[in-house]
Amino acid sequence: MLNITKNVNGSELKVILEGRLDTTTAPMLEAGLKEALSGVTALKFDLAKLDYISSAGLRVLLSSQKTMNKQGSMVITNASAEVKEIFDVTGFSDILTIE
């Protein structure tokens, strides 16, 4: 189960993820972001309530990062120790901006 909350403020988009980002829920996030990223120059993911992220979830974040490289910036905030460890082990810590 994944809850996605999107807060738009002008050209800034904050996406709050709650639950599990895995093979079941990643396509839902990806579809939601495709529409939402149009005209966005600052994308922020708040992962404070994200319990788990799988390779499918990482792929969605990477795809978002590639999009935002062309049109602005992307930041990941409030990742738990477990999620940060997954970023570290996969090398995503070097690709993504994590605060």
Protein backbone atom coordinates (compact mmCIF):
# COMPACT_ATOMS: atom_id res chain seq x y z
CA MET A 1 0.00 0.00 0.00
CA LEU A 2 1.30 3.46 -0.92
CA ASN A 3 -0.27 6.82 -0.21
CA ILE A 4 0.88 9.64 -2.47
CA THR A 5 0.23 13.25 -1.51
CA LYS A 6 1.13 15.98 -3.99
CA ASN A 7 1.42 19.61 -2.92
CA VAL A 8 1.92 22.13 -5.70
CA ASN A 9 3.18 25.64 -4.98
CA GLY A 10 3.72 27.51 -8.24
CA SER A 11 6.47 25.61 -10.07
CA GLU A 12 7.38 23.60 -6.96
CA LEU A 13 6.01 20.11 -6.36
CA LYS A 14 6.31 18.27 -3.06
CA VAL A 15 5.48 14.56 -3.14
CA ILE A 16 4.90 12.84 0.20
CA LEU A 17 5.16 9.05 0.06
CA GLU A 18 3.69 6.91 2.82
CA GLY A 19 3.90 3.12 2.95
CA ARG A 20 5.75 0.85 0.52
CA LEU A 21 7.16 1.81 -2.86
CA ASP A 22 7.54 -1.55 -4.63
CA THR A 23 6.68 -3.35 -7.87
CA THR A 24 2.96 -3.07 -7.10
CA THR A 25 2.88 0.65 -6.25
CA ALA A 26 5.73 2.07 -8.40
CA PRO A 27 3.65 2.20 -11.63
CA MET A 28 1.01 4.24 -9.78
CA LEU A 29 3.63 6.78 -8.66
CA GLU A 30 5.21 6.86 -12.12
CA ALA A 31 1.86 7.56 -13.80
CA GLY A 32 1.03 10.28 -11.27
CA LEU A 33 4.40 11.97 -11.76
CA LYS A 34 4.24 11.97 -15.57
CA GLU A 35 1.36 14.45 -15.50
CA ALA A 36 2.51 16.35 -12.44
CA LEU A 37 6.08 17.18 -13.58
CA SER A 38 5.02 19.38 -16.49
CA GLY A 39 6.22 22.91 -15.72
CA VAL A 40 7.80 21.92 -12.40
CA THR A 41 11.28 23.35 -11.71
CA ALA A 42 11.68 22.09 -8.13
CA LEU A 43 10.66 18.58 -7.10
CA LYS A 44 10.89 17.42 -3.50
CA PHE A 45 10.17 13.91 -2.25
CA ASP A 46 9.35 13.63 1.45
CA LEU A 47 10.05 10.04 2.52
CA ALA A 48 9.48 10.43 6.28
CA LYS A 49 6.66 7.84 6.19
CA LEU A 50 8.11 5.57 3.50
CA ASP A 51 8.73 2.16 5.06
CA TYR A 52 10.28 0.37 2.09
CA ILE A 53 11.58 1.00 -1.42
CA SER A 54 12.31 -1.72 -4.01
CA SER A 55 14.27 -1.61 -7.25
CA ALA A 56 11.05 -0.64 -9.04
CA GLY A 57 10.69 2.33 -6.71
CA LEU A 58 14.32 3.31 -7.23
CA ARG A 59 13.72 3.24 -10.98
CA VAL A 60 10.85 5.74 -10.64
CA LEU A 61 13.08 8.07 -8.58
CA LEU A 62 15.87 7.76 -11.16
CA SER A 63 13.47 8.50 -14.00
CA SER A 64 12.18 11.56 -12.07
CA GLN A 65 15.78 12.69 -11.51
CA LYS A 66 16.51 12.45 -15.26
CA THR A 67 13.41 14.53 -16.04
CA MET A 68 14.30 17.14 -13.41
CA ASN A 69 17.92 17.36 -14.64
CA LYS A 70 16.46 18.93 -17.78
CA GLN A 71 13.99 21.29 -16.12
CA GLY A 72 15.18 22.05 -12.59
CA SER A 73 16.14 20.26 -9.40
CA MET A 74 15.05 17.28 -7.32
CA VAL A 75 15.65 16.68 -3.61
CA ILE A 76 14.83 13.75 -1.35
CA THR A 77 14.13 14.59 2.29
CA ASN A 78 13.43 12.75 5.55
CA ALA A 79 14.50 9.29 4.34
CA SER A 80 14.57 6.75 7.16
CA ALA A 81 17.78 4.92 8.07
CA GLU A 82 16.49 1.81 6.26
CA VAL A 83 15.72 3.71 3.05
CA LYS A 84 19.03 5.62 3.24
CA GLU A 85 20.83 2.30 3.54
CA ILE A 86 19.14 1.09 0.35
CA PHE A 87 20.25 4.30 -1.39
CA ASP A 88 23.82 3.72 -0.14
CA VAL A 89 24.01 0.04 -1.10
CA THR A 90 22.62 0.68 -4.61
CA GLY A 91 24.81 3.73 -5.23
CA PHE A 92 21.75 5.98 -5.51
CA SER A 93 23.21 8.23 -2.79
CA ASP A 94 25.70 9.41 -5.43
CA ILE A 95 23.01 10.09 -8.05
CA LEU A 96 20.25 11.65 -5.96
CA THR A 97 20.33 14.76 -3.79
CA ILE A 98 19.41 13.53 -0.31
CA GLU A 99 18.95 15.97 2.56
